[in-house]
Structure formats: C-alpha cells, structure tokens
Amino acid sequence: MKRIVALCALLLLAGFAVAGPTGLLAWSENASALDARKAEIAALTEKRDALRNRVGLLDPEAADPDLASELVRDQLGVMREDEVVITLEGE
C-alpha cells in the first residue's frame, strides 16, 4: 500500500515537472514571453532616451533655438512675416 501511494506521489510530481505551470512544456512559452518583454524594454528605453534628449534641449537656461522655434510654430501656429503658407487640398 505504501509503495502504491509513493508511486502515485512520484508520478504526480513527474507530471507537474513536465506539464505544470513551470514545467518543460511551459518553458518555450516563457522564453518567448521573455524575448517579447526584452524587445519592449529596448523600445521603451530608446523612447525614454529620445525624450530625455528633448528635455535637455528645452532647458530654460540654455534652450536650443531651433527646437524652441519648432515648438512655438507647432503649438501656437506662429510664423514670421517673410514666410508664406501654402495649403494643400486633401490635408
């Protein structure tokens, strides 16, 4: 009787080792999820670095004139007197 219970327990543990949530069958799924997360982290890191650079260019004590001009034109619709606005149909 003890041998049967021990054998059942051993088979149950072996089943979990193969088909459980952290078993061999879930290994490839976990590896692909890890690769997807690494790619997401790389993209977010690149975006963060670009934003950090843009914030550095907007430092109030030493703002980049080109970026400041671009933002003013985009946000406020400001233009210089010697500029001409050309509107395109369909846009």
N, C-alpha and C. Protein backbone atom coordinates (compact mmCIF):
# COMPACT_ATOMS: atom_id res chain seq x y z
N MET A 1 0.82 -1.19 0.00
CA MET A 1 0.00 0.00 0.00
C MET A 1 0.88 1.27 0.00
N LYS A 2 1.93 1.25 0.83
CA LYS A 2 2.82 2.41 0.88
C LYS A 2 3.53 2.61 -0.44
N ARG A 3 3.86 1.53 -1.10
CA ARG A 3 4.54 1.64 -2.39
C ARG A 3 3.62 2.27 -3.44
N ILE A 4 2.37 1.92 -3.40
CA ILE A 4 1.41 2.47 -4.37
C ILE A 4 1.24 3.97 -4.15
N VAL A 5 1.13 4.39 -2.88
CA VAL A 5 0.99 5.81 -2.55
C VAL A 5 2.26 6.56 -2.95
N ALA A 6 3.41 5.98 -2.69
CA ALA A 6 4.67 6.62 -3.05
C ALA A 6 4.81 6.72 -4.57
N LEU A 7 4.40 5.67 -5.29
CA LEU A 7 4.45 5.68 -6.75
C LEU A 7 3.51 6.74 -7.32
N CYS A 8 2.31 6.85 -6.76
CA CYS A 8 1.35 7.87 -7.21
C CYS A 8 1.90 9.28 -6.95
N ALA A 9 2.50 9.47 -5.80
CA ALA A 9 3.07 10.78 -5.48
C ALA A 9 4.21 11.09 -6.44
N LEU A 10 5.05 10.11 -6.74
CA LEU A 10 6.16 10.31 -7.67
C LEU A 10 5.66 10.62 -9.08
N LEU A 11 4.62 9.91 -9.52
CA LEU A 11 4.05 10.17 -10.84
C LEU A 11 3.40 11.56 -10.90
N LEU A 12 2.77 11.97 -9.81
CA LEU A 12 2.16 13.29 -9.75
C LEU A 12 3.24 14.37 -9.85
N LEU A 13 4.33 14.21 -9.12
CA LEU A 13 5.44 15.17 -9.20
C LEU A 13 6.06 15.20 -10.59
N ALA A 14 6.20 14.04 -11.21
CA ALA A 14 6.74 13.97 -12.57
C ALA A 14 5.81 14.66 -13.55
N GLY A 15 4.49 14.49 -13.36
CA GLY A 15 3.52 15.16 -14.22
C GLY A 15 3.62 16.67 -14.11
N PHE A 16 3.76 17.18 -12.87
CA PHE A 16 3.92 18.62 -12.68
C PHE A 16 5.24 19.12 -13.28
N ALA A 17 6.28 18.30 -13.22
CA ALA A 17 7.57 18.71 -13.78
C ALA A 17 7.50 18.84 -15.30
N VAL A 18 6.63 18.07 -15.93
CA VAL A 18 6.51 18.12 -17.38
C VAL A 18 5.42 19.10 -17.82
N ALA A 19 4.24 19.01 -17.22
CA ALA A 19 3.09 19.77 -17.71
C ALA A 19 2.63 20.88 -16.76
N GLY A 20 3.32 21.14 -15.71
CA GLY A 20 2.91 22.17 -14.76
C GLY A 20 3.18 23.58 -15.27
N PRO A 21 2.79 24.58 -14.48
CA PRO A 21 2.96 25.97 -14.93
C PRO A 21 4.43 26.38 -15.12
N THR A 22 5.34 25.70 -14.47
CA THR A 22 6.77 25.97 -14.66
C THR A 22 7.48 24.74 -15.21
N GLY A 23 6.73 23.86 -15.84
CA GLY A 23 7.29 22.62 -16.35
C GLY A 23 7.95 22.77 -17.71
N LEU A 24 8.35 21.64 -18.25
CA LEU A 24 9.07 21.64 -19.53
C LEU A 24 8.21 22.14 -20.68
N LEU A 25 6.90 21.85 -20.68
CA LEU A 25 6.03 22.29 -21.76
C LEU A 25 5.82 23.81 -21.75
N ALA A 26 5.89 24.43 -20.60
CA ALA A 26 5.71 25.87 -20.49
C ALA A 26 7.02 26.62 -20.73
N TRP A 27 8.11 25.92 -20.85
CA TRP A 27 9.42 26.55 -20.98
C TRP A 27 9.52 27.42 -22.24
N SER A 28 9.08 26.91 -23.38
CA SER A 28 9.19 27.68 -24.63
C SER A 28 8.26 28.89 -24.59
N GLU A 29 7.09 28.74 -23.99
CA GLU A 29 6.16 29.88 -23.87
C GLU A 29 6.77 30.97 -23.00
N ASN A 30 7.39 30.57 -21.91
CA ASN A 30 8.04 31.54 -21.03
C ASN A 30 9.23 32.21 -21.71
N ALA A 31 9.96 31.46 -22.51
CA ALA A 31 11.11 32.02 -23.22
C ALA A 31 10.66 33.03 -24.27
N SER A 32 9.58 32.74 -24.99
CA SER A 32 9.09 33.69 -25.99
C SER A 32 8.52 34.93 -25.32
N ALA A 33 7.86 34.77 -24.18
CA ALA A 33 7.35 35.93 -23.43
C ALA A 33 8.52 36.79 -22.94
N LEU A 34 9.60 36.16 -22.53
CA LEU A 34 10.78 36.90 -22.09
C LEU A 34 11.39 37.69 -23.25
N ASP A 35 11.47 37.08 -24.42
CA ASP A 35 12.01 37.78 -25.59
C ASP A 35 11.13 38.98 -25.97
N ALA A 36 9.81 38.80 -25.87
CA ALA A 36 8.90 39.91 -26.19
C ALA A 36 9.08 41.05 -25.19
N ARG A 37 9.25 40.72 -23.92
CA ARG A 37 9.45 41.76 -22.89
C ARG A 37 10.78 42.48 -23.09
N LYS A 38 11.82 41.74 -23.49
CA LYS A 38 13.12 42.37 -23.74
C LYS A 38 13.03 43.34 -24.91
N ALA A 39 12.30 42.97 -25.96
CA ALA A 39 12.13 43.86 -27.10
C ALA A 39 11.33 45.10 -26.69
N GLU A 40 10.31 44.92 -25.87
CA GLU A 40 9.52 46.05 -25.38
C GLU A 40 10.37 46.99 -24.53
N ILE A 41 11.21 46.42 -23.68
CA ILE A 41 12.10 47.23 -22.84
C ILE A 41 13.08 48.01 -23.70
N ALA A 42 13.62 47.39 -24.75
CA ALA A 42 14.55 48.07 -25.64
C ALA A 42 13.87 49.25 -26.34
N ALA A 43 12.63 49.06 -26.81
CA ALA A 43 11.90 50.14 -27.48
C ALA A 43 11.60 51.27 -26.51
N LEU A 44 11.18 50.92 -25.30
CA LEU A 44 10.87 51.94 -24.31
C LEU A 44 12.13 52.69 -23.85
N THR A 45 13.24 51.99 -23.78
CA THR A 45 14.50 52.64 -23.41
C THR A 45 14.91 53.64 -24.48
N GLU A 46 14.75 53.26 -25.75
CA GLU A 46 15.08 54.18 -26.85
C GLU A 46 14.18 55.41 -26.80
N LYS A 47 12.90 55.20 -26.56
CA LYS A 47 11.96 56.32 -26.48
C LYS A 47 12.29 57.22 -25.28
N ARG A 48 12.63 56.61 -24.15
CA ARG A 48 12.99 57.39 -22.96
C ARG A 48 14.23 58.24 -23.23
N ASP A 49 15.22 57.67 -23.90
CA ASP A 49 16.44 58.42 -24.20
C ASP A 49 16.15 59.59 -25.14
N ALA A 50 15.27 59.37 -26.12
CA ALA A 50 14.90 60.46 -27.03
C ALA A 50 14.19 61.57 -26.27
N LEU A 51 13.29 61.20 -25.37
CA LEU A 51 12.59 62.21 -24.57
C LEU A 51 13.54 62.93 -23.63
N ARG A 52 14.47 62.20 -23.06
CA ARG A 52 15.47 62.82 -22.17
C ARG A 52 16.31 63.84 -22.95
N ASN A 53 16.68 63.50 -24.18
CA ASN A 53 17.43 64.43 -25.02
C ASN A 53 16.60 65.68 -25.33
N ARG A 54 15.34 65.49 -25.64
CA ARG A 54 14.46 66.62 -25.95
C ARG A 54 14.28 67.53 -24.74
N VAL A 55 14.14 66.92 -23.55
CA VAL A 55 14.02 67.71 -22.32
C VAL A 55 15.31 68.50 -22.08
N GLY A 56 16.43 67.88 -22.35
CA GLY A 56 17.70 68.59 -22.18
C GLY A 56 17.82 69.78 -23.12
N LEU A 57 17.27 69.64 -24.33
CA LEU A 57 17.31 70.74 -25.28
C LEU A 57 16.37 71.88 -24.89
N LEU A 58 15.39 71.59 -24.05
CA LEU A 58 14.43 72.60 -23.61
C LEU A 58 14.79 73.20 -22.26
N ASP A 59 16.00 73.03 -21.81
CA ASP A 59 16.44 73.59 -20.54
C ASP A 59 16.24 75.11 -20.58
N PRO A 60 15.52 75.67 -19.61
CA PRO A 60 15.22 77.11 -19.63
C PRO A 60 16.46 78.00 -19.67
N GLU A 61 17.56 77.54 -19.14
CA GLU A 61 18.77 78.36 -19.11
C GLU A 61 19.56 78.30 -20.42
N ALA A 62 19.37 77.25 -21.19
CA ALA A 62 20.11 77.11 -22.44
C ALA A 62 19.28 76.35 -23.47
N ALA A 63 18.10 76.88 -23.80
CA ALA A 63 17.21 76.20 -24.74
C ALA A 63 17.78 76.24 -26.16
N ASP A 64 17.58 75.16 -26.89
CA ASP A 64 18.01 75.09 -28.28
C ASP A 64 17.06 75.96 -29.11
N PRO A 65 17.57 76.96 -29.80
CA PRO A 65 16.69 77.88 -30.54
C PRO A 65 15.88 77.19 -31.64
N ASP A 66 16.46 76.21 -32.31
CA ASP A 66 15.73 75.53 -33.37
C ASP A 66 14.54 74.76 -32.81
N LEU A 67 14.75 74.05 -31.71
CA LEU A 67 13.67 73.29 -31.10
C LEU A 67 12.61 74.23 -30.52
N ALA A 68 13.02 75.32 -29.90
CA ALA A 68 12.07 76.27 -29.36
C ALA A 68 11.22 76.86 -30.48
N SER A 69 11.84 77.21 -31.58
CA SER A 69 11.12 77.75 -32.74
C SER A 69 10.13 76.73 -33.29
N GLU A 70 10.58 75.49 -33.39
CA GLU A 70 9.70 74.42 -33.89
C GLU A 70 8.48 74.25 -32.99
N LEU A 71 8.69 74.24 -31.68
CA LEU A 71 7.58 74.07 -30.75
C LEU A 71 6.61 75.25 -30.80
N VAL A 72 7.13 76.48 -30.88
CA VAL A 72 6.26 77.65 -30.96
C VAL A 72 5.42 77.60 -32.22
N ARG A 73 6.04 77.27 -33.34
CA ARG A 73 5.30 77.19 -34.60
C ARG A 73 4.23 76.09 -34.55
N ASP A 74 4.58 74.97 -33.97
CA ASP A 74 3.65 73.84 -33.92
C ASP A 74 2.51 74.10 -32.94
N GLN A 75 2.82 74.56 -31.75
CA GLN A 75 1.82 74.72 -30.69
C GLN A 75 0.95 75.97 -30.90
N LEU A 76 1.55 77.08 -31.32
CA LEU A 76 0.83 78.35 -31.39
C LEU A 76 0.48 78.78 -32.81
N GLY A 77 1.02 78.12 -33.81
CA GLY A 77 0.74 78.49 -35.19
C GLY A 77 1.37 79.82 -35.58
N VAL A 78 2.49 80.15 -34.98
CA VAL A 78 3.16 81.43 -35.23
C VAL A 78 4.06 81.29 -36.45
N MET A 79 4.14 82.35 -37.23
CA MET A 79 5.05 82.37 -38.37
C MET A 79 5.66 83.76 -38.52
N ARG A 80 6.77 83.83 -39.24
CA ARG A 80 7.44 85.12 -39.47
C ARG A 80 6.77 85.85 -40.63
N GLU A 81 7.07 87.15 -40.72
CA GLU A 81 6.46 87.98 -41.76
C GLU A 81 6.90 87.57 -43.17
N ASP A 82 8.13 87.10 -43.31
CA ASP A 82 8.65 86.78 -44.63
C ASP A 82 8.32 85.35 -45.08
N GLU A 83 7.52 84.62 -44.31
CA GLU A 83 7.14 83.27 -44.66
C GLU A 83 5.80 83.26 -45.38
N VAL A 84 5.62 82.27 -46.25
CA VAL A 84 4.38 82.11 -47.00
C VAL A 84 3.80 80.75 -46.65
N VAL A 85 2.50 80.71 -46.37
CA VAL A 85 1.83 79.46 -46.05
C VAL A 85 1.18 78.92 -47.31
N ILE A 86 1.46 77.69 -47.64
CA ILE A 86 0.87 77.04 -48.82
C ILE A 86 0.00 75.91 -48.30
N THR A 87 -1.28 75.98 -48.61
CA THR A 87 -2.20 74.91 -48.17
C THR A 87 -2.39 73.94 -49.32
N LEU A 88 -2.42 72.68 -48.98
CA LEU A 88 -2.61 71.62 -49.96
C LEU A 88 -3.99 71.03 -49.79
N GLU A 89 -4.69 70.81 -50.89
CA GLU A 89 -6.01 70.23 -50.80
C GLU A 89 -5.89 68.78 -50.35
N GLY A 90 -6.85 68.36 -49.53
CA GLY A 90 -6.86 66.98 -49.05
C GLY A 90 -6.13 66.79 -47.74
N GLU A 91 -5.51 67.79 -47.22
CA GLU A 91 -4.80 67.65 -45.94
C GLU A 91 -5.44 68.51 -44.90
